[in-house]
Amino acid sequence: MLVDIGVNLTNRVFRDDRSEVVARARDCGVTAMVVTGTDVGHSAAASDLARACPGVLYATAGVHPHHAGECDDTTLGRLADLAAADGVVAVGECGLDFNRDYSARGDQAIWFEAQLELAAQVGLPVFLHQRDAHGRFLEILSRHRHRLRGAVAHCFTGGPEELAAYLDLDLHIGVTGWICDERRGAALREAVARIPPQRLMLETDAPYLLPRDLRPVPKGRRNEPMYLPHICAAVARCSGRTADDVAAASTATARAFFRID
């Protein structure tokens, strides 16, 4: 029994078979999925999905750093309204991305802090994104962490040093199929054994980050939440635990973190 804490089910690639994607995941033991909100529109769509499938789908409400430049004086109010909706369990995806710089770094920082403040006000945990911005990310987050109910580093890809900094801030850690990437996942494979079981959660980030070692390779290379057991098995191998143990602990952690039944 698994919880996928990060699924982009509002992505257009799921438009024609979204219900089948959810059904396949449930058939594979993924009993709950958190649908990621990446801007106001997608957050509203994620909330609608959660309301339509209670107890299985949940949602986050936030603005990804790629979209920080699109925010205006209505954004926070709209996110606050969404955060109060049934089935919305976190604020985010929010943070910093200095790899692509689709939004100016100053705008990213402003809206990251605004969403941390919103999360503190509404009492929800935050679903965090960081890429190539570790130092600035920690600088901002550390000023707000004491007021946050919880925080998870979504799609963690770093090594032991970065992990230690996150654990020092009492963050939860989300691990994706990045761990299955023989080219880029070495640092994560080294770090994953150091994640305390009560801090580890699993996610696919579907339709992105299809595990590279998955066979047969799915048509179109689209990732789905039904592949979460494959990620769970990889985490188990790297951490010297059984897949059943990783599944049970990560599921209990996710349900407690997001307060889902």
C-alpha atoms as a PDB file:
ATOM      1  CA  MET A   1       0.000   0.000   0.000  1.00  0.00           C
ATOM      2  CA  LEU A   2       1.693   3.185  -1.215  1.00  0.00           C
ATOM      3  CA  VAL A   3       1.090   6.941  -1.348  1.00  0.00           C
ATOM      4  CA  ASP A   4       2.423   8.900  -4.333  1.00  0.00           C
ATOM      5  CA  ILE A   5       3.028  12.375  -2.922  1.00  0.00           C
ATOM      6  CA  GLY A   6       3.665  14.078  -6.274  1.00  0.00           C
ATOM      7  CA  VAL A   7       1.665  13.420  -9.442  1.00  0.00           C
ATOM      8  CA  ASN A   8       1.044  16.021 -12.164  1.00  0.00           C
ATOM      9  CA  LEU A   9      -2.360  14.614 -13.090  1.00  0.00           C
ATOM     10  CA  THR A  10      -3.518  17.944 -14.512  1.00  0.00           C
ATOM     11  CA  ASN A  11      -0.856  17.698 -17.209  1.00  0.00           C
ATOM     12  CA  ARG A  12      -2.336  17.572 -20.698  1.00  0.00           C
ATOM     13  CA  VAL A  13      -0.768  14.159 -21.394  1.00  0.00           C
ATOM     14  CA  PHE A  14      -3.294  12.648 -18.973  1.00  0.00           C
ATOM     15  CA  ARG A  15      -6.266  14.445 -20.499  1.00  0.00           C
ATOM     16  CA  ASP A  16      -7.667  11.462 -22.402  1.00  0.00           C
ATOM     17  CA  ASP A  17      -7.119   8.655 -19.882  1.00  0.00           C
ATOM     18  CA  ARG A  18      -6.794  10.243 -16.438  1.00  0.00           C
ATOM     19  CA  SER A  19      -9.354   7.934 -14.795  1.00  0.00           C
ATOM     20  CA  GLU A  20      -7.589   4.887 -16.255  1.00  0.00           C
ATOM     21  CA  VAL A  21      -4.250   6.166 -14.942  1.00  0.00           C
ATOM     22  CA  VAL A  22      -5.731   6.413 -11.440  1.00  0.00           C
ATOM     23  CA  ALA A  23      -7.303   2.958 -11.758  1.00  0.00           C
ATOM     24  CA  ARG A  24      -4.029   1.380 -12.887  1.00  0.00           C
ATOM     25  CA  ALA A  25      -2.217   2.954  -9.964  1.00  0.00           C
ATOM     26  CA  ARG A  26      -4.748   1.624  -7.490  1.00  0.00           C
ATOM     27  CA  ASP A  27      -4.492  -1.831  -9.030  1.00  0.00           C
ATOM     28  CA  CYS A  28      -0.742  -1.659  -8.337  1.00  0.00           C
ATOM     29  CA  GLY A  29      -1.257  -0.759  -4.677  1.00  0.00           C
ATOM     30  CA  VAL A  30      -1.002   3.026  -4.888  1.00  0.00           C
ATOM     31  CA  THR A  31      -3.966   3.840  -2.689  1.00  0.00           C
ATOM     32  CA  ALA A  32      -3.598   7.626  -2.549  1.00  0.00           C
ATOM     33  CA  MET A  33      -2.063  10.276  -4.793  1.00  0.00           C
ATOM     34  CA  VAL A  34      -1.342  13.955  -4.177  1.00  0.00           C
ATOM     35  CA  VAL A  35      -1.924  16.007  -7.330  1.00  0.00           C
ATOM     36  CA  THR A  36       0.604  18.812  -7.690  1.00  0.00           C
ATOM     37  CA  GLY A  37      -0.511  22.403  -8.215  1.00  0.00           C
ATOM     38  CA  THR A  38       2.024  24.370 -10.258  1.00  0.00           C
ATOM     39  CA  ASP A  39       0.136  27.628 -10.852  1.00  0.00           C
ATOM     40  CA  VAL A  40      -3.269  28.991  -9.918  1.00  0.00           C
ATOM     41  CA  GLY A  41      -5.038  27.329 -12.832  1.00  0.00           C
ATOM     42  CA  HIS A  42      -3.467  23.918 -12.325  1.00  0.00           C
ATOM     43  CA  SER A  43      -3.981  24.198  -8.567  1.00  0.00           C
ATOM     44  CA  ALA A  44      -7.692  24.793  -9.141  1.00  0.00           C
ATOM     45  CA  ALA A  45      -7.799  21.803 -11.491  1.00  0.00           C
ATOM     46  CA  ALA A  46      -5.973  19.665  -8.906  1.00  0.00           C
ATOM     47  CA  SER A  47      -8.494  20.721  -6.268  1.00  0.00           C
ATOM     48  CA  ASP A  48     -11.338  19.729  -8.583  1.00  0.00           C
ATOM     49  CA  LEU A  49      -9.793  16.289  -9.069  1.00  0.00           C
ATOM     50  CA  ALA A  50      -9.424  15.817  -5.323  1.00  0.00           C
ATOM     51  CA  ARG A  51     -13.025  16.812  -4.740  1.00  0.00           C
ATOM     52  CA  ALA A  52     -14.189  14.378  -7.422  1.00  0.00           C
ATOM     53  CA  CYS A  53     -12.209  11.452  -6.002  1.00  0.00           C
ATOM     54  CA  PRO A  54     -12.140  11.862  -2.206  1.00  0.00           C
ATOM     55  CA  GLY A  55      -9.978   9.521  -0.218  1.00  0.00           C
ATOM     56  CA  VAL A  56      -7.866   8.677  -3.266  1.00  0.00           C
ATOM     57  CA  LEU A  57      -6.807  11.999  -4.783  1.00  0.00           C
ATOM     58  CA  TYR A  58      -5.586  14.994  -2.810  1.00  0.00           C
ATOM     59  CA  ALA A  59      -4.111  18.273  -4.038  1.00  0.00           C
ATOM     60  CA  THR A  60      -1.571  20.991  -3.403  1.00  0.00           C
ATOM     61  CA  ALA A  61      -2.107  24.666  -4.187  1.00  0.00           C
ATOM     62  CA  GLY A  62       0.824  26.793  -5.210  1.00  0.00           C
ATOM     63  CA  VAL A  63       2.999  28.419  -7.847  1.00  0.00           C
ATOM     64  CA  HIS A  64       6.104  26.687  -9.161  1.00  0.00           C
ATOM     65  CA  PRO A  65       9.139  28.995  -9.489  1.00  0.00           C
ATOM     66  CA  HIS A  66       8.912  28.669 -13.280  1.00  0.00           C
ATOM     67  CA  HIS A  67       5.636  30.609 -13.051  1.00  0.00           C
ATOM     68  CA  ALA A  68       6.651  33.203 -10.459  1.00  0.00           C
ATOM     69  CA  GLY A  69       6.812  35.899 -13.123  1.00  0.00           C
ATOM     70  CA  GLU A  70       3.141  35.332 -13.915  1.00  0.00           C
ATOM     71  CA  CYS A  71       1.938  36.154 -10.383  1.00  0.00           C
ATOM     72  CA  ASP A  72      -0.005  39.328  -9.635  1.00  0.00           C
ATOM     73  CA  ASP A  73      -1.917  40.944  -6.801  1.00  0.00           C
ATOM     74  CA  THR A  74      -4.707  38.342  -7.057  1.00  0.00           C
ATOM     75  CA  THR A  75      -2.467  35.288  -6.761  1.00  0.00           C
ATOM     76  CA  LEU A  76      -2.198  34.932  -2.994  1.00  0.00           C
ATOM     77  CA  GLY A  77      -5.909  35.436  -2.441  1.00  0.00           C
ATOM     78  CA  ARG A  78      -6.753  32.771  -4.985  1.00  0.00           C
ATOM     79  CA  LEU A  79      -4.242  30.368  -3.453  1.00  0.00           C
ATOM     80  CA  ALA A  80      -5.646  31.042   0.011  1.00  0.00           C
ATOM     81  CA  ASP A  81      -9.136  30.185  -1.218  1.00  0.00           C
ATOM     82  CA  LEU A  82      -7.850  26.960  -2.745  1.00  0.00           C
ATOM     83  CA  ALA A  83      -5.908  26.088   0.404  1.00  0.00           C
ATOM     84  CA  ALA A  84      -9.180  26.116   2.336  1.00  0.00           C
ATOM     85  CA  ALA A  85     -10.869  23.638  -0.030  1.00  0.00           C
ATOM     86  CA  ASP A  86     -11.564  20.046   0.931  1.00  0.00           C
ATOM     87  CA  GLY A  87      -8.815  17.730  -0.227  1.00  0.00           C
ATOM     88  CA  VAL A  88      -6.102  20.397  -0.486  1.00  0.00           C
ATOM     89  CA  VAL A  89      -3.341  19.195   1.820  1.00  0.00           C
ATOM     90  CA  ALA A  90      -0.310  21.436   1.185  1.00  0.00           C
ATOM     91  CA  VAL A  91       0.876  24.748  -0.222  1.00  0.00           C
ATOM     92  CA  GLY A  92       3.139  24.424  -3.253  1.00  0.00           C
ATOM     93  CA  GLU A  93       4.834  23.422  -5.419  1.00  0.00           C
ATOM     94  CA  CYS A  94       6.945  26.411  -4.441  1.00  0.00           C
ATOM     95  CA  GLY A  95      10.620  27.203  -4.189  1.00  0.00           C
ATOM     96  CA  LEU A  96      13.532  28.212  -6.397  1.00  0.00           C
ATOM     97  CA  ASP A  97      14.812  26.971  -9.763  1.00  0.00           C
ATOM     98  CA  PHE A  98      18.068  28.569 -10.907  1.00  0.00           C
ATOM     99  CA  ASN A  99      18.659  25.879 -13.526  1.00  0.00           C
ATOM    100  CA  ARG A 100      16.150  27.093 -16.093  1.00  0.00           C
ATOM    101  CA  ASP A 101      15.500  30.637 -14.826  1.00  0.00           C
ATOM    102  CA  TYR A 102      12.129  30.734 -16.564  1.00  0.00           C
ATOM    103  CA  SER A 103      11.243  33.461 -14.052  1.00  0.00           C
ATOM    104  CA  ALA A 104      13.621  36.109 -12.742  1.00  0.00           C
ATOM    105  CA  ARG A 105      15.403  35.009  -9.588  1.00  0.00           C
ATOM    106  CA  GLY A 106      14.119  38.000  -7.674  1.00  0.00           C
ATOM    107  CA  ASP A 107      10.528  37.127  -8.555  1.00  0.00           C
ATOM    108  CA  GLN A 108      11.126  33.525  -7.552  1.00  0.00           C
ATOM    109  CA  ALA A 109      12.372  34.586  -4.122  1.00  0.00           C
ATOM    110  CA  ILE A 110       9.460  36.981  -3.560  1.00  0.00           C
ATOM    111  CA  TRP A 111       6.824  34.386  -4.363  1.00  0.00           C
ATOM    112  CA  PHE A 112       8.615  31.615  -2.516  1.00  0.00           C
ATOM    113  CA  GLU A 113       8.535  33.689   0.657  1.00  0.00           C
ATOM    114  CA  ALA A 114       4.927  34.719   0.038  1.00  0.00           C
ATOM    115  CA  GLN A 115       3.847  31.096  -0.201  1.00  0.00           C
ATOM    116  CA  LEU A 116       5.799  30.124   2.924  1.00  0.00           C
ATOM    117  CA  GLU A 117       3.977  32.900   4.740  1.00  0.00           C
ATOM    118  CA  LEU A 118       0.656  31.675   3.362  1.00  0.00           C
ATOM    119  CA  ALA A 119       1.387  28.122   4.510  1.00  0.00           C
ATOM    120  CA  ALA A 120       2.188  29.381   8.002  1.00  0.00           C
ATOM    121  CA  GLN A 121      -1.053  31.355   8.108  1.00  0.00           C
ATOM    122  CA  VAL A 122      -3.308  28.519   6.944  1.00  0.00           C
ATOM    123  CA  GLY A 123      -1.519  25.765   8.867  1.00  0.00           C
ATOM    124  CA  LEU A 124      -0.648  23.567   5.899  1.00  0.00           C
ATOM    125  CA  PRO A 125       2.730  21.968   5.129  1.00  0.00           C
ATOM    126  CA  VAL A 126       4.724  23.094   2.111  1.00  0.00           C
ATOM    127  CA  PHE A 127       5.649  21.090  -0.981  1.00  0.00           C
ATOM    128  CA  LEU A 128       9.077  22.403  -1.980  1.00  0.00           C
ATOM    129  CA  HIS A 129      11.058  22.626  -5.221  1.00  0.00           C
ATOM    130  CA  GLN A 130      14.769  23.408  -5.419  1.00  0.00           C
ATOM    131  CA  ARG A 131      17.106  23.085  -8.360  1.00  0.00           C
ATOM    132  CA  ASP A 132      20.578  24.603  -8.522  1.00  0.00           C
ATOM    133  CA  ALA A 133      19.625  27.074  -5.791  1.00  0.00           C
ATOM    134  CA  HIS A 134      20.580  25.221  -2.617  1.00  0.00           C
ATOM    135  CA  GLY A 135      22.207  28.085  -0.696  1.00  0.00           C
ATOM    136  CA  ARG A 136      19.563  30.712  -1.423  1.00  0.00           C
ATOM    137  CA  PHE A 137      16.806  28.157  -0.849  1.00  0.00           C
ATOM    138  CA  LEU A 138      18.123  27.323   2.623  1.00  0.00           C
ATOM    139  CA  GLU A 139      18.593  31.001   3.437  1.00  0.00           C
ATOM    140  CA  ILE A 140      14.946  31.768   2.714  1.00  0.00           C
ATOM    141  CA  LEU A 141      13.454  28.595   4.135  1.00  0.00           C
ATOM    142  CA  SER A 142      15.393  28.809   7.407  1.00  0.00           C
ATOM    143  CA  ARG A 143      13.759  32.162   8.199  1.00  0.00           C
ATOM    144  CA  HIS A 144      10.282  30.627   7.990  1.00  0.00           C
ATOM    145  CA  ARG A 145      10.749  27.004   9.017  1.00  0.00           C
ATOM    146  CA  HIS A 146       9.849  27.501  12.688  1.00  0.00           C
ATOM    147  CA  ARG A 147       6.376  28.718  11.675  1.00  0.00           C
ATOM    148  CA  LEU A 148       5.614  25.924   9.219  1.00  0.00           C
ATOM    149  CA  ARG A 149       3.621  22.855  10.168  1.00  0.00           C
ATOM    150  CA  GLY A 150       5.799  20.721   7.916  1.00  0.00           C
ATOM    151  CA  ALA A 151       7.906  20.830   4.767  1.00  0.00           C
ATOM    152  CA  VAL A 152       8.921  18.240   2.200  1.00  0.00           C
ATOM    153  CA  ALA A 153      11.786  18.560  -0.268  1.00  0.00           C
ATOM    154  CA  HIS A 154       9.950  17.283  -3.353  1.00  0.00           C
ATOM    155  CA  CYS A 155      11.966  15.276  -5.868  1.00  0.00           C
ATOM    156  CA  PHE A 156      15.164  15.305  -3.835  1.00  0.00           C
ATOM    157  CA  THR A 157      18.137  14.546  -6.099  1.00  0.00           C
ATOM    158  CA  GLY A 158      21.083  15.583  -3.943  1.00  0.00           C
ATOM    159  CA  GLY A 159      23.757  13.744  -2.046  1.00  0.00           C
ATOM    160  CA  PRO A 160      24.598  13.278   1.639  1.00  0.00           C
ATOM    161  CA  GLU A 161      25.729  16.869   2.272  1.00  0.00           C
ATOM    162  CA  GLU A 162      22.577  18.438   0.869  1.00  0.00           C
ATOM    163  CA  LEU A 163      20.472  15.827   2.664  1.00  0.00           C
ATOM    164  CA  ALA A 164      22.106  16.677   5.994  1.00  0.00           C
ATOM    165  CA  ALA A 165      21.250  20.356   5.543  1.00  0.00           C
ATOM    166  CA  TYR A 166      17.625  19.493   4.845  1.00  0.00           C
ATOM    167  CA  LEU A 167      17.353  17.121   7.785  1.00  0.00           C
ATOM    168  CA  ASP A 168      18.842  19.818  10.026  1.00  0.00           C
ATOM    169  CA  LEU A 169      15.848  21.962   9.001  1.00  0.00           C
ATOM    170  CA  ASP A 170      13.528  19.080   9.906  1.00  0.00           C
ATOM    171  CA  LEU A 171      12.405  18.526   6.323  1.00  0.00           C
ATOM    172  CA  HIS A 172      10.782  15.419   4.931  1.00  0.00           C
ATOM    173  CA  ILE A 173      12.371  14.021   1.776  1.00  0.00           C
ATOM    174  CA  GLY A 174      10.527  12.971  -1.389  1.00  0.00           C
ATOM    175  CA  VAL A 175      12.318  10.421  -3.596  1.00  0.00           C
ATOM    176  CA  THR A 176      11.401   9.818  -7.240  1.00  0.00           C
ATOM    177  CA  GLY A 177      12.584   7.579 -10.065  1.00  0.00           C
ATOM    178  CA  TRP A 178      15.729   9.719 -10.213  1.00  0.00           C
ATOM    179  CA  ILE A 179      17.179   7.007  -7.986  1.00  0.00           C
ATOM    180  CA  CYS A 180      16.868   4.604 -10.945  1.00  0.00           C
ATOM    181  CA  ASP A 181      18.986   6.777 -13.248  1.00  0.00           C
ATOM    182  CA  GLU A 182      22.400   5.148 -13.675  1.00  0.00           C
ATOM    183  CA  ARG A 183      23.797   8.415 -15.101  1.00  0.00           C
ATOM    184  CA  ARG A 184      22.588  11.017 -12.633  1.00  0.00           C
ATOM    185  CA  GLY A 185      21.328   9.153  -9.570  1.00  0.00           C
ATOM    186  CA  ALA A 186      24.598   8.102  -7.903  1.00  0.00           C
ATOM    187  CA  ALA A 187      24.550  10.839  -5.254  1.00  0.00           C
ATOM    188  CA  LEU A 188      20.938  10.093  -4.371  1.00  0.00           C
ATOM    189  CA  ARG A 189      21.620   6.362  -4.158  1.00  0.00           C
ATOM    190  CA  GLU A 190      24.389   7.140  -1.681  1.00  0.00           C
ATOM    191  CA  ALA A 191      22.195   9.481   0.362  1.00  0.00           C
ATOM    192  CA  VAL A 192      18.970   7.490   0.530  1.00  0.00           C
ATOM    193  CA  ALA A 193      20.196   5.084   3.204  1.00  0.00           C
ATOM    194  CA  ARG A 194      20.715   8.111   5.459  1.00  0.00           C
ATOM    195  CA  ILE A 195      17.113   9.277   5.259  1.00  0.00           C
ATOM    196  CA  PRO A 196      15.353   8.327   8.514  1.00  0.00           C
ATOM    197  CA  PRO A 197      12.324   6.120   7.754  1.00  0.00           C
ATOM    198  CA  GLN A 198      10.000   8.630   9.398  1.00  0.00           C
ATOM    199  CA  ARG A 199      11.278  11.346   7.009  1.00  0.00           C
ATOM    200  CA  LEU A 200      11.073   9.448   3.711  1.00  0.00           C
ATOM    201  CA  MET A 201       8.197   9.701   1.232  1.00  0.00           C
ATOM    202  CA  LEU A 202       7.877   8.340  -2.303  1.00  0.00           C
ATOM    203  CA  GLU A 203       6.679   9.985  -5.496  1.00  0.00           C
ATOM    204  CA  THR A 204       6.704   9.540  -9.250  1.00  0.00           C
ATOM    205  CA  ASP A 205       6.422  13.192 -10.375  1.00  0.00           C
ATOM    206  CA  ALA A 206       4.485  11.679 -13.285  1.00  0.00           C
ATOM    207  CA  PRO A 207       4.451  12.208 -16.223  1.00  0.00           C
ATOM    208  CA  TYR A 208       8.078  13.234 -15.696  1.00  0.00           C
ATOM    209  CA  LEU A 209      11.074  11.208 -14.457  1.00  0.00           C
ATOM    210  CA  LEU A 210      10.170   7.790 -15.799  1.00  0.00           C
ATOM    211  CA  PRO A 211      12.590   5.335 -14.123  1.00  0.00           C
ATOM    212  CA  ARG A 212      15.317   4.686 -16.681  1.00  0.00           C
ATOM    213  CA  ASP A 213      15.650   1.023 -15.726  1.00  0.00           C
ATOM    214  CA  LEU A 214      11.974   0.219 -16.228  1.00  0.00           C
ATOM    215  CA  ARG A 215      11.415  -2.658 -18.654  1.00  0.00           C
ATOM    216  CA  PRO A 216       9.678  -2.772 -20.994  1.00  0.00           C
ATOM    217  CA  VAL A 217       9.964   0.962 -21.643  1.00  0.00           C
ATOM    218  CA  PRO A 218       6.413   2.393 -21.717  1.00  0.00           C
ATOM    219  CA  LYS A 219       5.164   3.724 -25.015  1.00  0.00           C
ATOM    220  CA  GLY A 220       5.821   7.437 -25.231  1.00  0.00           C
ATOM    221  CA  ARG A 221       8.032   7.220 -22.126  1.00  0.00           C
ATOM    222  CA  ARG A 222       5.233   8.645 -20.008  1.00  0.00           C
ATOM    223  CA  ASN A 223       5.599   8.087 -16.294  1.00  0.00           C
ATOM    224  CA  GLU A 224       2.549   7.042 -14.274  1.00  0.00           C
ATOM    225  CA  PRO A 225       1.852   6.557 -10.550  1.00  0.00           C
ATOM    226  CA  MET A 226       1.478   2.802 -11.188  1.00  0.00           C
ATOM    227  CA  TYR A 227       5.290   2.683 -11.336  1.00  0.00           C
ATOM    228  CA  LEU A 228       5.690   3.798  -7.724  1.00  0.00           C
ATOM    229  CA  PRO A 229       6.304   0.192  -6.526  1.00  0.00           C
ATOM    230  CA  HIS A 230       9.318   0.107  -8.865  1.00  0.00           C
ATOM    231  CA  ILE A 231      10.713   3.211  -7.157  1.00  0.00           C
ATOM    232  CA  CYS A 232       9.959   1.709  -3.754  1.00  0.00           C
ATOM    233  CA  ALA A 233      11.979  -1.391  -4.663  1.00  0.00           C
ATOM    234  CA  ALA A 234      14.929   0.743  -5.780  1.00  0.00           C
ATOM    235  CA  VAL A 235      14.870   2.693  -2.517  1.00  0.00           C
ATOM    236  CA  ALA A 236      14.779  -0.577  -0.599  1.00  0.00           C
ATOM    237  CA  ARG A 237      17.819  -1.939  -2.429  1.00  0.00           C
ATOM    238  CA  CYS A 238      19.813   1.230  -1.840  1.00  0.00           C
ATOM    239  CA  SER A 239      18.914   1.497   1.822  1.00  0.00           C
ATOM    240  CA  GLY A 240      19.323  -2.159   2.808  1.00  0.00           C
ATOM    241  CA  ARG A 241      15.665  -2.567   3.740  1.00  0.00           C
ATOM    242  CA  THR A 242      12.848  -4.666   2.388  1.00  0.00           C
ATOM    243  CA  ALA A 243      10.369  -3.191  -0.073  1.00  0.00           C
ATOM    244  CA  ASP A 244       7.537  -4.012   2.333  1.00  0.00           C
ATOM    245  CA  ASP A 245       9.258  -2.083   5.100  1.00  0.00           C
ATOM    246  CA  VAL A 246       9.883   0.952   2.873  1.00  0.00           C
ATOM    247  CA  ALA A 247       6.285   0.850   1.639  1.00  0.00           C
ATOM    248  CA  ALA A 248       4.790   0.632   5.116  1.00  0.00           C
ATOM    249  CA  ALA A 249       6.990   3.333   6.628  1.00  0.00           C
ATOM    250  CA  SER A 250       6.726   5.793   3.730  1.00  0.00           C
ATOM    251  CA  THR A 251       2.962   5.367   3.558  1.00  0.00           C
ATOM    252  CA  ALA A 252       2.538   5.973   7.279  1.00  0.00           C
ATOM    253  CA  THR A 253       4.805   9.018   7.026  1.00  0.00           C
ATOM    254  CA  ALA A 254       2.919  10.465   4.046  1.00  0.00           C
ATOM    255  CA  ARG A 255      -0.486   9.971   5.640  1.00  0.00           C
ATOM    256  CA  ALA A 256       0.663  11.650   8.844  1.00  0.00           C
ATOM    257  CA  PHE A 257       2.415  14.507   7.043  1.00  0.00           C
ATOM    258  CA  PHE A 258      -0.549  15.385   4.806  1.00  0.00           C
ATOM    259  CA  ARG A 259      -3.164  14.330   7.383  1.00  0.00           C
ATOM    260  CA  ILE A 260      -4.933  12.039   4.993  1.00  0.00           C
ATOM    261  CA  ASP A 261      -6.985   9.013   6.039  1.00  0.00           C
END
